[in-house]
């Protein structure tokens, strides 16, 4: 009997004790990192590799055929106006000049005789000692002799010009970038002997994809950096865009005129050119903020008052490994979770550890 009462009392005490147990603790807030949406997204930066070239570059050539005797300049030489570039064998031109001068001397002798005859006939006609017909013949002979002298003088000038054409000189200041013939070769009129990059302006030349041609802003400012020394930089503006794509690469050649090019940006140097594309409509977020809900892109948005999170579907305009552009679904001032998105659930309390 005593034992039964003891057991009942023990059960009663246990029951009362069980009723006084405290409730389980509330779940702790999950630590997260967030970012506050601020305005529009930044435009994408595009970089391409190109080369420095002379803005004006031309070929120097002889005006006539001949055998080239010498070419005292080579690639890399600097030329000034009047410097001799090459010389042709001038024997044929010298012979042609001597022949033209001899023909001129003969024509002048005929002209002298025609003048004397015309003067005698003029005096005889005045005194009535010669017929009018003979005077007319003397006048016509004088005019013909004068025309022969004029033609001979023109031939002498042509021969002198041809002789001068056997010496090829630079007409502008610049640097020799290529040669097209060697001494001893027979060259044709118009054949490139040397190519000269004129002093002055320089271009950065790039091969640009067609898509970038369509989407690039009008008249962008291009930042140009020397590839092997990024400290050397300049800016430029697009000066010329090729109207036709390269048949092999399907890219368009774009020439960017460099404003005040540094001396170290030498011809042929490799450079990198960067432009900032126009900002797309939307906001920029770290790519880590993006998750999925109902088969669509979504982000976790923090309620500033309750410190709880909720999923919000968004539309993505552009995505790359580091950033994502959200075109719809967020507004300026929204607080978006950027780290810890994998372990969140709707309505969960969070503790902000820092913004990114």
Protein backbone atom coordinates (compact mmCIF):
# COMPACT_ATOMS: atom_id res chain seq x y z
CA UNK A 1 0.00 0.00 0.00
CA UNK A 2 2.80 2.42 0.96
CA UNK A 3 4.70 1.48 -2.21
CA UNK A 4 1.69 2.26 -4.43
CA UNK A 5 1.26 5.71 -2.90
CA UNK A 6 4.95 6.47 -3.46
CA UNK A 7 4.77 5.56 -7.14
CA UNK A 8 1.67 7.72 -7.66
CA UNK A 9 3.32 10.66 -5.97
CA UNK A 10 6.39 10.28 -8.15
CA UNK A 11 4.28 10.26 -11.30
CA UNK A 12 2.44 13.38 -10.17
CA UNK A 13 5.69 15.22 -9.53
CA UNK A 14 7.01 14.22 -12.98
CA UNK A 15 3.85 15.41 -14.63
CA UNK A 16 3.98 18.78 -12.87
CA UNK A 17 7.65 19.13 -13.71
CA UNK A 18 6.94 18.38 -17.37
CA UNK A 19 4.37 21.17 -17.50
CA UNK A 20 6.99 23.72 -16.34
CA UNK A 21 9.60 22.97 -19.19
CA UNK A 22 10.49 26.15 -21.22
CA UNK A 23 9.49 26.45 -24.93
CA UNK A 24 12.16 25.62 -27.57
CA UNK A 25 14.32 28.67 -28.52
CA UNK A 26 13.45 30.65 -31.66
CA UNK A 27 15.67 29.98 -34.71
CA UNK A 28 18.66 32.30 -34.96
CA UNK A 29 18.90 34.88 -37.75
CA UNK A 30 20.95 33.69 -40.72
CA UNK A 31 24.00 35.88 -41.47
CA UNK A 32 24.01 37.23 -45.04
CA UNK A 33 25.69 39.89 -47.13
CA UNK A 34 23.56 42.35 -49.04
CA UNK A 35 23.73 45.17 -51.58
CA UNK A 36 21.35 48.10 -51.99
CA UNK A 37 20.07 48.70 -55.51
CA UNK A 38 21.25 52.10 -56.74
CA UNK A 39 20.19 53.52 -60.09
CA UNK A 40 21.02 52.16 -63.51
CA UNK A 41 23.58 49.58 -64.56
CA UNK A 42 26.96 50.64 -65.83
CA UNK A 43 27.86 50.14 -69.49
CA UNK A 44 30.06 47.21 -70.47
CA UNK A 45 33.73 47.90 -71.25
CA UNK A 46 34.99 46.33 -74.49
CA UNK A 47 38.72 45.94 -75.23
CA UNK A 48 40.39 45.04 -78.51
CA UNK A 49 44.01 44.68 -79.60
CA UNK A 50 45.44 46.70 -82.46
CA UNK A 51 48.56 48.35 -83.88
CA UNK A 52 49.97 51.86 -84.21
CA UNK A 53 50.22 53.06 -87.81
CA UNK A 54 50.94 56.33 -89.53
CA UNK A 55 47.88 58.39 -90.33
CA UNK A 56 49.27 59.29 -93.76
CA UNK A 57 51.39 56.75 -95.61
CA UNK A 58 52.32 56.81 -99.26
CA UNK A 59 54.48 55.09 -101.84
CA UNK A 60 57.28 56.82 -103.76
CA UNK A 61 57.83 55.67 -107.36
CA UNK A 62 59.65 56.68 -110.56
CA UNK A 63 57.70 58.26 -113.41
CA UNK A 64 59.48 56.22 -116.08
CA UNK A 65 60.94 52.77 -116.65
CA UNK A 66 64.62 52.04 -116.17
CA UNK A 67 67.35 50.16 -114.36
CA UNK A 68 67.79 51.35 -110.78
CA UNK A 69 71.45 52.02 -109.99
CA UNK A 70 71.19 52.89 -106.30
CA UNK A 71 68.78 53.21 -103.39
CA UNK A 72 70.62 54.87 -100.49
CA UNK A 73 67.73 54.50 -98.00
CA UNK A 74 66.51 51.46 -96.08
CA UNK A 75 63.63 50.55 -93.79
CA UNK A 76 63.72 52.65 -90.65
CA UNK A 77 65.57 55.61 -92.17
CA UNK A 78 64.16 59.08 -91.56
CA UNK A 79 63.74 61.30 -94.60
CA UNK A 80 63.36 65.03 -95.12
CA UNK A 81 61.87 66.74 -98.18
CA UNK A 82 64.41 66.65 -100.99
CA UNK A 83 66.41 63.66 -99.72
CA UNK A 84 67.43 61.31 -102.55
CA UNK A 85 65.58 57.99 -102.39
CA UNK A 86 66.89 56.24 -105.53
CA UNK A 87 68.51 56.84 -108.93
CA UNK A 88 68.01 55.29 -112.38
CA UNK A 89 70.53 54.77 -115.18
CA UNK A 90 70.21 58.09 -117.05
CA UNK A 91 72.14 57.36 -120.24
CA UNK A 92 69.05 57.10 -122.46
CA UNK A 93 67.60 60.31 -121.04
CA UNK A 94 70.87 62.18 -121.51
CA UNK A 95 71.02 61.03 -125.16
CA UNK A 96 67.43 62.13 -125.68
CA UNK A 97 68.25 65.54 -124.23
CA UNK A 98 71.26 65.99 -126.50
CA UNK A 99 69.13 65.04 -129.50
CA UNK A 100 66.42 67.49 -128.52
CA UNK A 101 68.93 70.30 -128.08
CA UNK A 102 70.49 69.56 -131.50
CA UNK A 103 67.04 69.67 -133.10
CA UNK A 104 66.42 72.99 -131.38
CA UNK A 105 69.69 74.40 -132.74
CA UNK A 106 68.75 73.34 -136.25
CA UNK A 107 65.29 74.86 -135.93
CA UNK A 108 66.75 78.13 -134.64
CA UNK A 109 69.11 78.29 -137.63
CA UNK A 110 66.19 77.86 -140.01
CA UNK A 111 64.31 80.58 -138.10
CA UNK A 112 67.23 82.98 -138.43
CA UNK A 113 67.35 82.43 -142.19
CA UNK A 114 63.58 82.84 -142.46
CA UNK A 115 63.74 86.18 -140.61
CA UNK A 116 66.42 87.53 -142.95
CA UNK A 117 64.45 86.47 -146.01
CA UNK A 118 61.26 88.01 -144.65
CA UNK A 119 62.98 91.36 -143.94
CA UNK A 120 64.44 91.54 -147.47
CA UNK A 121 61.09 90.76 -149.03
CA UNK A 122 59.46 93.32 -146.75
CA UNK A 123 61.84 96.07 -147.98
CA UNK A 124 61.54 95.01 -151.61
CA UNK A 125 57.77 95.01 -151.40
CA UNK A 126 57.78 98.52 -149.91
CA UNK A 127 59.89 99.81 -152.83
CA UNK A 128 57.88 97.84 -155.37
CA UNK A 129 60.71 95.51 -156.46
CA UNK A 130 59.03 92.18 -155.53
CA UNK A 131 55.61 90.71 -156.09
CA UNK A 132 53.18 90.31 -153.23
CA UNK A 133 53.12 86.53 -153.63
CA UNK A 134 56.85 86.21 -152.91
CA UNK A 135 56.46 88.33 -149.75
CA UNK A 136 53.59 86.08 -148.59
CA UNK A 137 55.79 83.00 -149.08
CA UNK A 138 58.56 84.56 -146.97
CA UNK A 139 56.08 85.43 -144.22
CA UNK A 140 54.68 81.90 -144.20
CA UNK A 141 58.19 80.41 -144.05
CA UNK A 142 58.99 82.63 -141.06
CA UNK A 143 55.88 81.48 -139.21
CA UNK A 144 56.65 77.85 -139.95
CA UNK A 145 60.24 78.24 -138.74
CA UNK A 146 59.01 79.86 -135.51
CA UNK A 147 56.61 76.95 -134.92
CA UNK A 148 59.48 74.50 -135.46
CA UNK A 149 61.55 76.32 -132.85
CA UNK A 150 58.65 76.29 -130.38
CA UNK A 151 58.19 72.54 -130.88
CA UNK A 152 61.92 71.92 -130.48
CA UNK A 153 61.98 73.95 -127.26
CA UNK A 154 59.08 71.86 -125.91
CA UNK A 155 61.00 68.66 -126.73
CA UNK A 156 64.03 69.99 -124.87
CA UNK A 157 61.91 70.72 -121.79
CA UNK A 158 60.39 67.23 -121.94
CA UNK A 159 63.85 65.67 -122.25
CA UNK A 160 65.07 67.74 -119.31
CA UNK A 161 62.10 66.61 -117.22
CA UNK A 162 62.74 62.97 -118.09
CA UNK A 163 66.36 63.37 -117.10
CA UNK A 164 65.24 64.84 -113.79
CA UNK A 165 62.86 61.91 -113.27
CA UNK A 166 65.85 59.55 -113.07
CA UNK A 167 66.49 60.89 -109.55
CA UNK A 168 63.74 60.03 -107.05
CA UNK A 169 63.46 62.34 -104.03
CA UNK A 170 61.22 62.44 -100.98
CA UNK A 171 58.56 65.13 -101.08
CA UNK A 172 57.57 64.86 -97.38
CA UNK A 173 59.23 64.19 -94.05
CA UNK A 174 58.74 60.71 -92.65
CA UNK A 175 60.15 57.25 -91.98
CA UNK A 176 60.73 54.47 -94.49
CA UNK A 177 58.46 51.54 -93.63
CA UNK A 178 58.98 49.30 -96.69
CA UNK A 179 61.07 48.96 -99.87
CA UNK A 180 59.88 47.55 -103.17
CA UNK A 181 63.01 47.16 -105.33
CA UNK A 182 66.73 46.61 -104.97
CA UNK A 183 69.62 48.27 -106.86
CA UNK A 184 70.24 46.60 -110.23
CA UNK A 185 66.59 45.75 -110.86
CA UNK A 186 64.67 47.07 -113.85
CA UNK A 187 61.66 48.92 -112.46
CA UNK A 188 58.46 50.10 -114.08
CA UNK A 189 56.93 53.54 -113.93
CA UNK A 190 54.68 53.71 -110.86
CA UNK A 191 56.28 50.72 -109.14
CA UNK A 192 56.70 51.28 -105.39
CA UNK A 193 60.36 51.92 -104.55
CA UNK A 194 59.93 52.90 -100.90
CA UNK A 195 56.94 53.43 -98.63
CA UNK A 196 57.04 56.46 -96.34
CA UNK A 197 55.04 56.95 -93.16
CA UNK A 198 54.63 60.69 -92.90
CA UNK A 199 55.45 62.50 -89.70
CA UNK A 200 52.57 63.86 -87.68
CA UNK A 201 49.36 62.04 -86.85
CA UNK A 202 49.20 58.40 -85.79
CA UNK A 203 46.33 55.96 -85.80
CA UNK A 204 45.52 52.95 -83.66
CA UNK A 205 44.06 50.39 -86.07
CA UNK A 206 41.69 47.65 -84.84
CA UNK A 207 39.74 44.80 -86.45
CA UNK A 208 36.26 45.20 -84.97
CA UNK A 209 33.45 42.58 -85.07
CA UNK A 210 30.27 43.52 -86.87
CA UNK A 211 28.13 43.27 -83.71
CA UNK A 212 30.29 45.85 -81.95
CA UNK A 213 30.04 48.16 -84.95
CA UNK A 214 26.25 48.08 -84.55
CA UNK A 215 26.09 48.49 -80.77
CA UNK A 216 28.96 50.90 -80.12
CA UNK A 217 28.02 54.49 -79.22
CA UNK A 218 28.39 57.21 -81.82
CA UNK A 219 31.79 58.94 -81.78
CA UNK A 220 33.07 57.18 -78.62
CA UNK A 221 36.23 58.18 -76.80
CA UNK A 222 38.72 55.31 -77.04
CA UNK A 223 41.29 54.73 -74.30
CA UNK A 224 44.52 53.41 -75.83
CA UNK A 225 47.14 51.61 -73.73
CA UNK A 226 50.53 50.27 -74.79
CA UNK A 227 50.33 46.49 -74.31
CA UNK A 228 53.83 45.97 -72.94
CA UNK A 229 53.69 49.06 -70.69
CA UNK A 230 50.17 49.96 -69.45
CA UNK A 231 51.53 53.17 -67.95
CA UNK A 232 51.79 54.64 -71.43
CA UNK A 233 48.30 55.60 -72.49
CA UNK A 234 46.40 58.07 -74.64
CA UNK A 235 42.91 58.77 -75.90
CA UNK A 236 41.56 58.97 -79.41
CA UNK A 237 38.48 59.29 -81.57
CA UNK A 238 37.25 57.04 -84.36
CA UNK A 239 38.48 58.61 -87.61
CA UNK A 240 37.59 56.03 -90.22
CA UNK A 241 35.52 52.83 -90.42
CA UNK A 242 36.00 50.48 -93.35
CA UNK A 243 32.76 50.23 -95.37
CA UNK A 244 33.43 46.57 -96.17
CA UNK A 245 34.25 43.61 -93.94
CA UNK A 246 37.42 41.61 -94.42
CA UNK A 247 36.47 38.53 -96.49
CA UNK A 248 38.51 36.19 -94.27
CA UNK A 249 37.85 37.46 -90.74
CA UNK A 250 34.49 39.22 -91.35
CA UNK A 251 35.70 42.13 -89.23
CA UNK A 252 35.80 45.84 -90.08
CA UNK A 253 39.01 47.86 -89.91
CA UNK A 254 38.59 50.89 -87.66
CA UNK A 255 41.17 53.68 -87.48
CA UNK A 256 41.29 55.68 -84.25
CA UNK A 257 43.09 59.01 -84.46
CA UNK A 258 45.30 59.38 -81.37
CA UNK A 259 45.20 62.76 -79.66
CA UNK A 260 48.75 63.86 -78.73
CA UNK A 261 50.33 60.38 -79.10
CA UNK A 262 53.19 59.66 -76.64
CA UNK A 263 56.62 59.25 -78.18
CA UNK A 264 56.79 55.63 -76.97
CA UNK A 265 53.77 54.69 -79.08
CA UNK A 266 55.98 53.93 -82.06
CA UNK A 267 54.83 52.72 -85.44
CA UNK A 268 53.96 49.02 -85.26
CA UNK A 269 53.52 48.97 -81.46
CA UNK A 270 50.77 46.72 -80.12
CA UNK A 271 48.10 48.56 -78.17
CA UNK A 272 44.83 47.80 -76.43
CA UNK A 273 41.81 50.00 -77.10
CA UNK A 274 38.83 50.18 -74.74
CA UNK A 275 35.42 51.81 -75.05
CA UNK A 276 32.48 52.04 -72.67
CA UNK A 277 29.22 50.80 -74.18
CA UNK A 278 25.98 52.54 -73.40
CA UNK A 279 24.37 51.36 -70.16
CA UNK A 280 21.50 48.90 -70.69
CA UNK A 281 18.14 49.56 -68.98
CA UNK A 282 18.27 47.93 -65.55
CA UNK A 283 20.48 47.60 -62.48
CA UNK A 284 23.81 45.90 -61.83
CA UNK A 285 24.14 43.14 -59.22
CA UNK A 286 26.85 40.64 -58.33
CA UNK A 287 26.21 37.37 -60.14
CA UNK A 288 26.14 35.56 -56.75
CA UNK A 289 22.81 37.26 -55.97
CA UNK A 290 20.97 35.33 -58.68
CA UNK A 291 18.99 32.19 -57.79
CA UNK A 292 15.89 30.44 -59.19
CA UNK A 293 12.23 30.29 -58.22
CA UNK A 294 9.42 28.60 -60.18
CA UNK A 295 11.83 27.94 -63.02
CA UNK A 296 12.63 31.64 -63.43
CA UNK A 297 15.52 33.86 -62.27
CA UNK A 298 14.98 35.33 -58.81
CA UNK A 299 16.75 37.16 -55.98
CA UNK A 300 16.26 37.30 -52.21
CA UNK A 301 15.01 40.70 -51.07
CA UNK A 302 15.36 41.80 -47.42
CA UNK A 303 12.49 43.62 -45.66
CA UNK A 304 14.31 46.40 -43.74
CA UNK A 305 11.70 46.46 -40.94
CA UNK A 306 11.18 42.76 -40.18
CA UNK A 307 14.65 41.68 -41.32
CA UNK A 308 13.09 38.76 -43.19
CA UNK A 309 13.68 37.67 -46.76
CA UNK A 310 11.37 36.92 -49.64
CA UNK A 311 11.97 35.61 -53.15
CA UNK A 312 11.28 37.96 -56.04
CA UNK A 313 11.32 36.93 -59.69
CA UNK A 314 13.37 39.16 -61.98
CA UNK A 315 14.25 39.47 -65.65
CA UNK A 316 17.92 39.25 -66.66
CA UNK A 317 19.18 41.51 -69.45
CA UNK A 318 22.83 40.45 -69.38
CA UNK A 319 24.84 37.90 -67.45
CA UNK A 320 28.58 37.32 -67.14
CA UNK A 321 30.66 35.46 -64.53
CA UNK A 322 31.01 38.50 -62.28
CA UNK A 323 27.97 40.71 -62.82
CA UNK A 324 24.34 40.42 -63.83
CA UNK A 325 22.08 43.16 -65.19
CA UNK A 326 18.46 42.98 -63.97
CA UNK A 327 16.10 44.72 -66.41
CA UNK A 328 12.86 44.26 -64.43
CA UNK A 329 11.76 43.28 -60.93
CA UNK A 330 13.90 45.58 -58.76
CA UNK A 331 13.74 49.23 -57.83
CA UNK A 332 16.22 51.67 -56.39
CA UNK A 333 16.52 51.15 -52.64
CA UNK A 334 15.75 47.40 -52.62
CA UNK A 335 18.15 45.41 -50.40
CA UNK A 336 19.27 42.21 -52.16
CA UNK A 337 21.14 39.29 -50.63
CA UNK A 338 24.44 38.63 -52.42
CA UNK A 339 26.02 35.91 -50.22
CA UNK A 340 24.25 33.04 -48.47
CA UNK A 341 21.37 32.68 -50.93
CA UNK A 342 21.63 28.86 -51.03
CA UNK A 343 20.47 28.32 -47.40
CA UNK A 344 17.61 30.82 -47.20
CA UNK A 345 13.87 30.14 -47.09
CA UNK A 346 10.94 32.56 -47.44
CA UNK A 347 10.22 34.52 -44.27
CA UNK A 348 13.54 33.66 -42.66
CA UNK A 349 15.13 36.28 -40.44
CA UNK A 350 18.59 37.41 -41.48
CA UNK A 351 21.44 39.32 -39.95
CA UNK A 352 23.29 41.64 -42.30
CA UNK A 353 27.05 41.23 -41.97
CA UNK A 354 28.15 43.69 -44.59
CA UNK A 355 27.36 45.11 -47.98
CA UNK A 356 29.25 44.29 -51.15
